[in-house]
Amino acid sequence: MVSIKIATIAAVLSSALSVTATNFHVNRGCIFVDGTNVCAPNTISVNDGNAEIEAKLDQPQHCKVTFTWPKDYGDVFFGADNCFYDSNGANINGQCCR
C-alpha cells in the first residue's frame, strides 16, 4: 500500500515538473522568434508560453511585439496576415503584429 502511494506521488511530481514546449509555426515568409530567424514552413520550439516576435522584416517599419498563449498549447501559428492563431485557426486574444 505504501509503495503504491509513493509511486503515485512520484508520477504526479514527475508530470508537474515536465515542460511541454509549444511548436511555433510560421505560415509565410520569415520572422524572428526570440531572436532566432524562422522561415516558413519551419517551426521553432518555445517553452514559456510567450515569445518576442519581430516581423514585417521587408518593410521600413517592421514590428516587434511579445505574443502570449496558454503554456499547454501544442501548436501556435504566425499567420500570413501577421496575426497569431491557435491550432483551430482562432486568433489568440486579438494579437497581431501591426
PDB file of N, CA and C in Angstrom:
ATOM      1  N   MET A   1       0.818  -1.186   0.000  1.00  0.00           N
ATOM      2  CA  MET A   1       0.000   0.000   0.000  1.00  0.00           C
ATOM      3  C   MET A   1       0.867   1.257   0.000  1.00  0.00           C
ATOM      4  N   VAL A   2       1.917   1.273   0.823  1.00  0.00           N
ATOM      5  CA  VAL A   2       2.806   2.434   0.891  1.00  0.00           C
ATOM      6  C   VAL A   2       3.547   2.610  -0.425  1.00  0.00           C
ATOM      7  N   SER A   3       3.990   1.499  -1.038  1.00  0.00           N
ATOM      8  CA  SER A   3       4.727   1.613  -2.302  1.00  0.00           C
ATOM      9  C   SER A   3       3.830   2.149  -3.419  1.00  0.00           C
ATOM     10  N   ILE A   4       2.551   1.842  -3.393  1.00  0.00           N
ATOM     11  CA  ILE A   4       1.623   2.373  -4.392  1.00  0.00           C
ATOM     12  C   ILE A   4       1.476   3.883  -4.217  1.00  0.00           C
ATOM     13  N   LYS A   5       1.355   4.335  -2.968  1.00  0.00           N
ATOM     14  CA  LYS A   5       1.229   5.768  -2.703  1.00  0.00           C
ATOM     15  C   LYS A   5       2.494   6.510  -3.133  1.00  0.00           C
ATOM     16  N   ILE A   6       3.650   5.942  -2.849  1.00  0.00           N
ATOM     17  CA  ILE A   6       4.916   6.569  -3.238  1.00  0.00           C
ATOM     18  C   ILE A   6       5.018   6.641  -4.755  1.00  0.00           C
ATOM     19  N   ALA A   7       4.646   5.570  -5.437  1.00  0.00           N
ATOM     20  CA  ALA A   7       4.690   5.563  -6.904  1.00  0.00           C
ATOM     21  C   ALA A   7       3.727   6.599  -7.478  1.00  0.00           C
ATOM     22  N   THR A   8       2.563   6.729  -6.881  1.00  0.00           N
ATOM     23  CA  THR A   8       1.588   7.717  -7.344  1.00  0.00           C
ATOM     24  C   THR A   8       2.103   9.135  -7.136  1.00  0.00           C
ATOM     25  N   ILE A   9       2.659   9.405  -5.973  1.00  0.00           N
ATOM     26  CA  ILE A   9       3.222  10.732  -5.689  1.00  0.00           C
ATOM     27  C   ILE A   9       4.363  11.034  -6.647  1.00  0.00           C
ATOM     28  N   ALA A  10       5.224  10.057  -6.901  1.00  0.00           N
ATOM     29  CA  ALA A  10       6.342  10.254  -7.828  1.00  0.00           C
ATOM     30  C   ALA A  10       5.838  10.568  -9.233  1.00  0.00           C
ATOM     31  N   ALA A  11       4.794   9.887  -9.668  1.00  0.00           N
ATOM     32  CA  ALA A  11       4.239  10.133 -11.006  1.00  0.00           C
ATOM     33  C   ALA A  11       3.639  11.529 -11.104  1.00  0.00           C
ATOM     34  N   VAL A  12       2.948  11.954 -10.067  1.00  0.00           N
ATOM     35  CA  VAL A  12       2.351  13.293 -10.066  1.00  0.00           C
ATOM     36  C   VAL A  12       3.435  14.360 -10.090  1.00  0.00           C
ATOM     37  N   LEU A  13       4.457  14.206  -9.273  1.00  0.00           N
ATOM     38  CA  LEU A  13       5.555  15.174  -9.252  1.00  0.00           C
ATOM     39  C   LEU A  13       6.287  15.213 -10.578  1.00  0.00           C
ATOM     40  N   SER A  14       6.490  14.057 -11.170  1.00  0.00           N
ATOM     41  CA  SER A  14       7.183  13.992 -12.458  1.00  0.00           C
ATOM     42  C   SER A  14       6.406  14.731 -13.535  1.00  0.00           C
ATOM     43  N   SER A  15       5.100  14.538 -13.587  1.00  0.00           N
ATOM     44  CA  SER A  15       4.304  15.221 -14.606  1.00  0.00           C
ATOM     45  C   SER A  15       4.227  16.717 -14.337  1.00  0.00           C
ATOM     46  N   ALA A  16       4.254  17.120 -13.090  1.00  0.00           N
ATOM     47  CA  ALA A  16       4.205  18.542 -12.759  1.00  0.00           C
ATOM     48  C   ALA A  16       5.498  19.242 -13.136  1.00  0.00           C
ATOM     49  N   LEU A  17       6.605  18.521 -13.106  1.00  0.00           N
ATOM     50  CA  LEU A  17       7.898  19.117 -13.408  1.00  0.00           C
ATOM     51  C   LEU A  17       8.237  19.096 -14.888  1.00  0.00           C
ATOM     52  N   SER A  18       7.529  18.293 -15.663  1.00  0.00           N
ATOM     53  CA  SER A  18       7.855  18.208 -17.081  1.00  0.00           C
ATOM     54  C   SER A  18       7.417  19.482 -17.800  1.00  0.00           C
ATOM     55  N   VAL A  19       8.223  19.899 -18.735  1.00  0.00           N
ATOM     56  CA  VAL A  19       7.931  21.104 -19.503  1.00  0.00           C
ATOM     57  C   VAL A  19       7.493  20.685 -20.894  1.00  0.00           C
ATOM     58  N   THR A  20       6.358  21.187 -21.321  1.00  0.00           N
ATOM     59  CA  THR A  20       5.873  20.890 -22.654  1.00  0.00           C
ATOM     60  C   THR A  20       6.113  22.103 -23.530  1.00  0.00           C
ATOM     61  N   ALA A  21       6.862  21.906 -24.576  1.00  0.00           N
ATOM     62  CA  ALA A  21       7.152  23.007 -25.489  1.00  0.00           C
ATOM     63  C   ALA A  21       6.006  23.183 -26.473  1.00  0.00           C
ATOM     64  N   THR A  22       5.850  24.397 -26.934  1.00  0.00           N
ATOM     65  CA  THR A  22       4.873  24.716 -27.965  1.00  0.00           C
ATOM     66  C   THR A  22       5.597  24.835 -29.295  1.00  0.00           C
ATOM     67  N   ASN A  23       5.052  24.216 -30.331  1.00  0.00           N
ATOM     68  CA  ASN A  23       5.609  24.353 -31.678  1.00  0.00           C
ATOM     69  C   ASN A  23       5.081  25.646 -32.283  1.00  0.00           C
ATOM     70  N   PHE A  24       5.979  26.565 -32.591  1.00  0.00           N
ATOM     71  CA  PHE A  24       5.621  27.865 -33.153  1.00  0.00           C
ATOM     72  C   PHE A  24       5.834  27.777 -34.657  1.00  0.00           C
ATOM     73  N   HIS A  25       4.744  27.829 -35.427  1.00  0.00           N
ATOM     74  CA  HIS A  25       4.783  27.687 -36.881  1.00  0.00           C
ATOM     75  C   HIS A  25       4.732  29.055 -37.555  1.00  0.00           C
ATOM     76  N   VAL A  26       5.437  29.176 -38.664  1.00  0.00           N
ATOM     77  CA  VAL A  26       5.385  30.391 -39.480  1.00  0.00           C
ATOM     78  C   VAL A  26       4.708  30.020 -40.792  1.00  0.00           C
ATOM     79  N   ASN A  27       3.597  30.675 -41.113  1.00  0.00           N
ATOM     80  CA  ASN A  27       2.824  30.323 -42.308  1.00  0.00           C
ATOM     81  C   ASN A  27       3.381  30.892 -43.605  1.00  0.00           C
ATOM     82  N   ARG A  28       4.034  32.062 -43.543  1.00  0.00           N
ATOM     83  CA  ARG A  28       4.575  32.660 -44.766  1.00  0.00           C
ATOM     84  C   ARG A  28       5.732  33.586 -44.412  1.00  0.00           C
ATOM     85  N   GLY A  29       6.754  33.560 -45.229  1.00  0.00           N
ATOM     86  CA  GLY A  29       7.872  34.476 -45.035  1.00  0.00           C
ATOM     87  C   GLY A  29       8.766  34.083 -43.881  1.00  0.00           C
ATOM     88  N   CYS A  30       9.469  35.065 -43.344  1.00  0.00           N
ATOM     89  CA  CYS A  30      10.403  34.857 -42.242  1.00  0.00           C
ATOM     90  C   CYS A  30      10.125  35.859 -41.130  1.00  0.00           C
ATOM     91  N   ILE A  31      10.328  35.422 -39.903  1.00  0.00           N
ATOM     92  CA  ILE A  31      10.222  36.292 -38.734  1.00  0.00           C
ATOM     93  C   ILE A  31      11.339  35.911 -37.769  1.00  0.00           C
ATOM     94  N   PHE A  32      11.545  36.726 -36.760  1.00  0.00           N
ATOM     95  CA  PHE A  32      12.421  36.368 -35.655  1.00  0.00           C
ATOM     96  C   PHE A  32      11.548  35.975 -34.476  1.00  0.00           C
ATOM     97  N   VAL A  33      11.860  34.826 -33.878  1.00  0.00           N
ATOM     98  CA  VAL A  33      11.173  34.346 -32.685  1.00  0.00           C
ATOM     99  C   VAL A  33      12.220  34.287 -31.580  1.00  0.00           C
ATOM    100  N   ASP A  34      12.100  35.150 -30.594  1.00  0.00           N
ATOM    101  CA  ASP A  34      13.097  35.244 -29.525  1.00  0.00           C
ATOM    102  C   ASP A  34      14.514  35.344 -30.087  1.00  0.00           C
ATOM    103  N   GLY A  35      14.661  36.121 -31.154  1.00  0.00           N
ATOM    104  CA  GLY A  35      15.974  36.369 -31.739  1.00  0.00           C
ATOM    105  C   GLY A  35      16.453  35.339 -32.740  1.00  0.00           C
ATOM    106  N   THR A  36      15.677  34.276 -32.961  1.00  0.00           N
ATOM    107  CA  THR A  36      16.047  33.231 -33.918  1.00  0.00           C
ATOM    108  C   THR A  36      15.236  33.403 -35.194  1.00  0.00           C
ATOM    109  N   ASN A  37      15.914  33.426 -36.327  1.00  0.00           N
ATOM    110  CA  ASN A  37      15.246  33.565 -37.619  1.00  0.00           C
ATOM    111  C   ASN A  37      14.514  32.265 -37.955  1.00  0.00           C
ATOM    112  N   VAL A  38      13.220  32.367 -38.225  1.00  0.00           N
ATOM    113  CA  VAL A  38      12.404  31.206 -38.586  1.00  0.00           C
ATOM    114  C   VAL A  38      11.636  31.554 -39.852  1.00  0.00           C
ATOM    115  N   CYS A  39      11.792  30.723 -40.874  1.00  0.00           N
ATOM    116  CA  CYS A  39      11.111  30.942 -42.154  1.00  0.00           C
ATOM    117  C   CYS A  39      10.132  29.808 -42.425  1.00  0.00           C
ATOM    118  N   ALA A  40       9.007  30.160 -43.066  1.00  0.00           N
ATOM    119  CA  ALA A  40       8.007  29.157 -43.445  1.00  0.00           C
ATOM    120  C   ALA A  40       8.657  28.130 -44.361  1.00  0.00           C
ATOM    121  N   PRO A  41       8.320  26.886 -44.229  1.00  0.00           N
ATOM    122  CA  PRO A  41       7.319  26.275 -43.355  1.00  0.00           C
ATOM    123  C   PRO A  41       7.909  25.736 -42.050  1.00  0.00           C
ATOM    124  N   ASN A  42       9.048  26.222 -41.635  1.00  0.00           N
ATOM    125  CA  ASN A  42       9.721  25.698 -40.446  1.00  0.00           C
ATOM    126  C   ASN A  42       9.019  26.097 -39.153  1.00  0.00           C
ATOM    127  N   THR A  43       9.372  25.393 -38.082  1.00  0.00           N
ATOM    128  CA  THR A  43       8.842  25.679 -36.751  1.00  0.00           C
ATOM    129  C   THR A  43      10.000  25.854 -35.781  1.00  0.00           C
ATOM    130  N   ILE A  44       9.689  26.419 -34.633  1.00  0.00           N
ATOM    131  CA  ILE A  44      10.654  26.523 -33.545  1.00  0.00           C
ATOM    132  C   ILE A  44       9.917  26.137 -32.267  1.00  0.00           C
ATOM    133  N   SER A  45      10.618  25.511 -31.348  1.00  0.00           N
ATOM    134  CA  SER A  45      10.038  25.105 -30.075  1.00  0.00           C
ATOM    135  C   SER A  45      10.196  26.226 -29.055  1.00  0.00           C
ATOM    136  N   VAL A  46       9.096  26.588 -28.384  1.00  0.00           N
ATOM    137  CA  VAL A  46       9.112  27.655 -27.383  1.00  0.00           C
ATOM    138  C   VAL A  46       8.523  27.103 -26.086  1.00  0.00           C
ATOM    139  N   ASN A  47       9.212  27.307 -24.967  1.00  0.00           N
ATOM    140  CA  ASN A  47       8.808  26.695 -23.700  1.00  0.00           C
ATOM    141  C   ASN A  47       7.962  27.552 -22.775  1.00  0.00           C
ATOM    142  N   ASP A  48       7.984  28.849 -22.894  1.00  0.00           N
ATOM    143  CA  ASP A  48       7.462  29.702 -21.835  1.00  0.00           C
ATOM    144  C   ASP A  48       6.025  30.188 -21.985  1.00  0.00           C
ATOM    145  N   GLY A  49       5.362  29.917 -23.097  1.00  0.00           N
ATOM    146  CA  GLY A  49       4.029  30.471 -23.305  1.00  0.00           C
ATOM    147  C   GLY A  49       4.065  31.926 -23.734  1.00  0.00           C
ATOM    148  N   ASN A  50       5.261  32.372 -24.152  1.00  0.00           N
ATOM    149  CA  ASN A  50       5.389  33.715 -24.718  1.00  0.00           C
ATOM    150  C   ASN A  50       6.650  33.771 -25.558  1.00  0.00           C
ATOM    151  N   ALA A  51       6.658  34.678 -26.512  1.00  0.00           N
ATOM    152  CA  ALA A  51       7.832  34.846 -27.370  1.00  0.00           C
ATOM    153  C   ALA A  51       7.834  36.254 -27.941  1.00  0.00           C
ATOM    154  N   GLU A  52       9.031  36.820 -28.037  1.00  0.00           N
ATOM    155  CA  GLU A  52       9.163  38.120 -28.688  1.00  0.00           C
ATOM    156  C   GLU A  52       9.271  37.883 -30.186  1.00  0.00           C
ATOM    157  N   ILE A  53       8.388  38.519 -30.938  1.00  0.00           N
ATOM    158  CA  ILE A  53       8.324  38.342 -32.386  1.00  0.00           C
ATOM    159  C   ILE A  53       8.731  39.635 -33.069  1.00  0.00           C
ATOM    160  N   GLU A  54       9.566  39.497 -34.070  1.00  0.00           N
ATOM    161  CA  GLU A  54       9.902  40.624 -34.934  1.00  0.00           C
ATOM    162  C   GLU A  54       9.498  40.212 -36.340  1.00  0.00           C
ATOM    163  N   ALA A  55       8.593  40.990 -36.946  1.00  0.00           N
ATOM    164  CA  ALA A  55       8.029  40.627 -38.249  1.00  0.00           C
ATOM    165  C   ALA A  55       7.993  41.838 -39.168  1.00  0.00           C
ATOM    166  N   LYS A  56       7.468  41.612 -40.367  1.00  0.00           N
ATOM    167  CA  LYS A  56       7.435  42.630 -41.426  1.00  0.00           C
ATOM    168  C   LYS A  56       8.861  43.104 -41.717  1.00  0.00           C
ATOM    169  N   LEU A  57       9.755  42.146 -41.806  1.00  0.00           N
ATOM    170  CA  LEU A  57      11.176  42.452 -41.943  1.00  0.00           C
ATOM    171  C   LEU A  57      11.508  43.127 -43.263  1.00  0.00           C
ATOM    172  N   ASP A  58      10.650  42.971 -44.262  1.00  0.00           N
ATOM    173  CA  ASP A  58      10.896  43.572 -45.573  1.00  0.00           C
ATOM    174  C   ASP A  58      10.347  44.998 -45.671  1.00  0.00           C
ATOM    175  N   GLN A  59       9.833  45.517 -44.578  1.00  0.00           N
ATOM    176  CA  GLN A  59       9.257  46.862 -44.572  1.00  0.00           C
ATOM    177  C   GLN A  59      10.097  47.788 -43.694  1.00  0.00           C
ATOM    178  N   PRO A  60      10.145  49.079 -44.033  1.00  0.00           N
ATOM    179  CA  PRO A  60      10.948  50.016 -43.246  1.00  0.00           C
ATOM    180  C   PRO A  60      10.544  50.062 -41.766  1.00  0.00           C
ATOM    181  N   GLN A  61       9.260  49.924 -41.499  1.00  0.00           N
ATOM    182  CA  GLN A  61       8.800  49.948 -40.111  1.00  0.00           C
ATOM    183  C   GLN A  61       8.272  48.571 -39.723  1.00  0.00           C
ATOM    184  N   HIS A  62       9.212  47.633 -39.507  1.00  0.00           N
ATOM    185  CA  HIS A  62       8.760  46.312 -39.076  1.00  0.00           C
ATOM    186  C   HIS A  62       8.296  46.402 -37.621  1.00  0.00           C
ATOM    187  N   CYS A  63       7.662  45.358 -37.151  1.00  0.00           N
ATOM    188  CA  CYS A  63       7.118  45.416 -35.794  1.00  0.00           C
ATOM    189  C   CYS A  63       7.838  44.438 -34.879  1.00  0.00           C
ATOM    190  N   LYS A  64       7.811  44.744 -33.610  1.00  0.00           N
ATOM    191  CA  LYS A  64       8.377  43.892 -32.573  1.00  0.00           C
ATOM    192  C   LYS A  64       7.356  43.854 -31.442  1.00  0.00           C
ATOM    193  N   VAL A  65       6.889  42.653 -31.103  1.00  0.00           N
ATOM    194  CA  VAL A  65       5.836  42.507 -30.094  1.00  0.00           C
ATOM    195  C   VAL A  65       6.026  41.171 -29.371  1.00  0.00           C
ATOM    196  N   THR A  66       5.594  41.098 -28.132  1.00  0.00           N
ATOM    197  CA  THR A  66       5.630  39.838 -27.391  1.00  0.00           C
ATOM    198  C   THR A  66       4.245  39.215 -27.424  1.00  0.00           C
ATOM    199  N   PHE A  67       4.155  38.025 -28.013  1.00  0.00           N
ATOM    200  CA  PHE A  67       2.906  37.273 -28.050  1.00  0.00           C
ATOM    201  C   PHE A  67       2.868  36.333 -26.849  1.00  0.00           C
ATOM    202  N   THR A  68       1.679  36.106 -26.315  1.00  0.00           N
ATOM    203  CA  THR A  68       1.497  35.165 -25.208  1.00  0.00           C
ATOM    204  C   THR A  68       0.385  34.184 -25.558  1.00  0.00           C
ATOM    205  N   TRP A  69       0.452  33.006 -24.955  1.00  0.00           N
ATOM    206  CA  TRP A  69      -0.548  31.961 -25.165  1.00  0.00           C
ATOM    207  C   TRP A  69      -0.496  31.006 -23.982  1.00  0.00           C
ATOM    208  N   PRO A  70      -1.550  30.216 -23.776  1.00  0.00           N
ATOM    209  CA  PRO A  70      -1.521  29.225 -22.699  1.00  0.00           C
ATOM    210  C   PRO A  70      -0.372  28.237 -22.911  1.00  0.00           C
ATOM    211  N   LYS A  71       0.349  27.941 -21.850  1.00  0.00           N
ATOM    212  CA  LYS A  71       1.534  27.081 -21.942  1.00  0.00           C
ATOM    213  C   LYS A  71       1.218  25.678 -22.438  1.00  0.00           C
ATOM    214  N   ASP A  72      -0.029  25.238 -22.296  1.00  0.00           N
ATOM    215  CA  ASP A  72      -0.368  23.873 -22.700  1.00  0.00           C
ATOM    216  C   ASP A  72      -0.705  23.749 -24.186  1.00  0.00           C
ATOM    217  N   TYR A  73      -0.643  24.846 -24.943  1.00  0.00           N
ATOM    218  CA  TYR A  73      -0.890  24.762 -26.388  1.00  0.00           C
ATOM    219  C   TYR A  73       0.247  23.974 -27.039  1.00  0.00           C
ATOM    220  N   GLY A  74      -0.102  23.004 -27.858  1.00  0.00           N
ATOM    221  CA  GLY A  74       0.912  22.218 -28.557  1.00  0.00           C
ATOM    222  C   GLY A  74       1.456  22.933 -29.779  1.00  0.00           C
ATOM    223  N   ASP A  75       0.591  23.699 -30.451  1.00  0.00           N
ATOM    224  CA  ASP A  75       0.981  24.396 -31.675  1.00  0.00           C
ATOM    225  C   ASP A  75       0.345  25.781 -31.706  1.00  0.00           C
ATOM    226  N   VAL A  76       1.125  26.761 -32.150  1.00  0.00           N
ATOM    227  CA  VAL A  76       0.619  28.107 -32.426  1.00  0.00           C
ATOM    228  C   VAL A  76       1.155  28.528 -33.788  1.00  0.00           C
ATOM    229  N   PHE A  77       0.463  29.470 -34.423  1.00  0.00           N
ATOM    230  CA  PHE A  77       0.788  29.830 -35.805  1.00  0.00           C
ATOM    231  C   PHE A  77       0.871  31.338 -35.978  1.00  0.00           C
ATOM    232  N   PHE A  78       1.930  31.792 -36.643  1.00  0.00           N
ATOM    233  CA  PHE A  78       2.035  33.183 -37.057  1.00  0.00           C
ATOM    234  C   PHE A  78       1.538  33.217 -38.488  1.00  0.00           C
ATOM    235  N   GLY A  79       0.370  33.838 -38.696  1.00  0.00           N
ATOM    236  CA  GLY A  79      -0.296  33.806 -39.992  1.00  0.00           C
ATOM    237  C   GLY A  79       0.297  34.750 -41.013  1.00  0.00           C
ATOM    238  N   ALA A  80      -0.064  34.524 -42.269  1.00  0.00           N
ATOM    239  CA  ALA A  80       0.387  35.374 -43.376  1.00  0.00           C
ATOM    240  C   ALA A  80      -0.102  36.808 -43.212  1.00  0.00           C
ATOM    241  N   ASP A  81      -1.144  37.010 -42.397  1.00  0.00           N
ATOM    242  CA  ASP A  81      -1.679  38.349 -42.130  1.00  0.00           C
ATOM    243  C   ASP A  81      -1.022  39.015 -40.917  1.00  0.00           C
ATOM    244  N   ASN A  82       0.063  38.402 -40.412  1.00  0.00           N
ATOM    245  CA  ASN A  82       0.822  38.909 -39.257  1.00  0.00           C
ATOM    246  C   ASN A  82       0.052  38.834 -37.943  1.00  0.00           C
ATOM    247  N   CYS A  83      -0.933  37.942 -37.871  1.00  0.00           N
ATOM    248  CA  CYS A  83      -1.676  37.719 -36.633  1.00  0.00           C
ATOM    249  C   CYS A  83      -1.353  36.333 -36.086  1.00  0.00           C
ATOM    250  N   PHE A  84      -1.765  36.098 -34.857  1.00  0.00           N
ATOM    251  CA  PHE A  84      -1.362  34.930 -34.089  1.00  0.00           C
ATOM    252  C   PHE A  84      -2.564  34.014 -33.867  1.00  0.00           C
ATOM    253  N   TYR A  85      -2.414  32.713 -34.173  1.00  0.00           N
ATOM    254  CA  TYR A  85      -3.534  31.772 -34.170  1.00  0.00           C
ATOM    255  C   TYR A  85      -3.228  30.491 -33.402  1.00  0.00           C
ATOM    256  N   ASP A  86      -4.289  29.873 -32.881  1.00  0.00           N
ATOM    257  CA  ASP A  86      -4.155  28.550 -32.280  1.00  0.00           C
ATOM    258  C   ASP A  86      -4.336  27.489 -33.362  1.00  0.00           C
ATOM    259  N   SER A  87      -4.278  26.227 -32.971  1.00  0.00           N
ATOM    260  CA  SER A  87      -4.346  25.134 -33.949  1.00  0.00           C
ATOM    261  C   SER A  87      -5.727  24.980 -34.580  1.00  0.00           C
ATOM    262  N   ASN A  88      -6.739  25.654 -34.043  1.00  0.00           N
ATOM    263  CA  ASN A  88      -8.080  25.634 -34.638  1.00  0.00           C
ATOM    264  C   ASN A  88      -8.314  26.803 -35.577  1.00  0.00           C
ATOM    265  N   GLY A  89      -7.305  27.649 -35.759  1.00  0.00           N
ATOM    266  CA  GLY A  89      -7.430  28.800 -36.645  1.00  0.00           C
ATOM    267  C   GLY A  89      -8.055  30.021 -35.996  1.00  0.00           C
ATOM    268  N   ALA A  90      -8.220  29.984 -34.671  1.00  0.00           N
ATOM    269  CA  ALA A  90      -8.786  31.132 -33.951  1.00  0.00           C
ATOM    270  C   ALA A  90      -7.664  32.072 -33.519  1.00  0.00           C
ATOM    271  N   ASN A  91      -7.881  33.354 -33.725  1.00  0.00           N
ATOM    272  CA  ASN A  91      -6.902  34.347 -33.282  1.00  0.00           C
ATOM    273  C   ASN A  91      -6.781  34.276 -31.762  1.00  0.00           C
ATOM    274  N   ILE A  92      -5.554  34.342 -31.265  1.00  0.00           N
ATOM    275  CA  ILE A  92      -5.303  34.256 -29.826  1.00  0.00           C
ATOM    276  C   ILE A  92      -5.322  35.663 -29.235  1.00  0.00           C
ATOM    277  N   ASN A  93      -6.377  35.975 -28.520  1.00  0.00           N
ATOM    278  CA  ASN A  93      -6.516  37.246 -27.793  1.00  0.00           C
ATOM    279  C   ASN A  93      -6.301  38.486 -28.649  1.00  0.00           C
ATOM    280  N   GLY A  94      -6.672  38.429 -29.922  1.00  0.00           N
ATOM    281  CA  GLY A  94      -6.561  39.602 -30.792  1.00  0.00           C
ATOM    282  C   GLY A  94      -5.142  40.025 -31.106  1.00  0.00           C
ATOM    283  N   GLN A  95      -4.182  39.139 -30.882  1.00  0.00           N
ATOM    284  CA  GLN A  95      -2.779  39.502 -31.050  1.00  0.00           C
ATOM    285  C   GLN A  95      -2.374  39.515 -32.521  1.00  0.00           C
ATOM    286  N   CYS A  96      -1.839  40.637 -32.954  1.00  0.00           N
ATOM    287  CA  CYS A  96      -1.323  40.809 -34.310  1.00  0.00           C
ATOM    288  C   CYS A  96      -0.089  41.697 -34.255  1.00  0.00           C
ATOM    289  N   CYS A  97       0.726  41.584 -35.249  1.00  0.00           N
ATOM    290  CA  CYS A  97       1.893  42.440 -35.404  1.00  0.00           C
ATOM    291  C   CYS A  97       1.486  43.544 -36.364  1.00  0.00           C
ATOM    292  N   ARG A  98       1.311  44.746 -35.885  1.00  0.00           N
ATOM    293  CA  ARG A  98       0.779  45.848 -36.698  1.00  0.00           C
ATOM    294  C   ARG A  98       1.862  46.781 -37.163  1.00  0.00           C
TER     295      ARG A  98
END
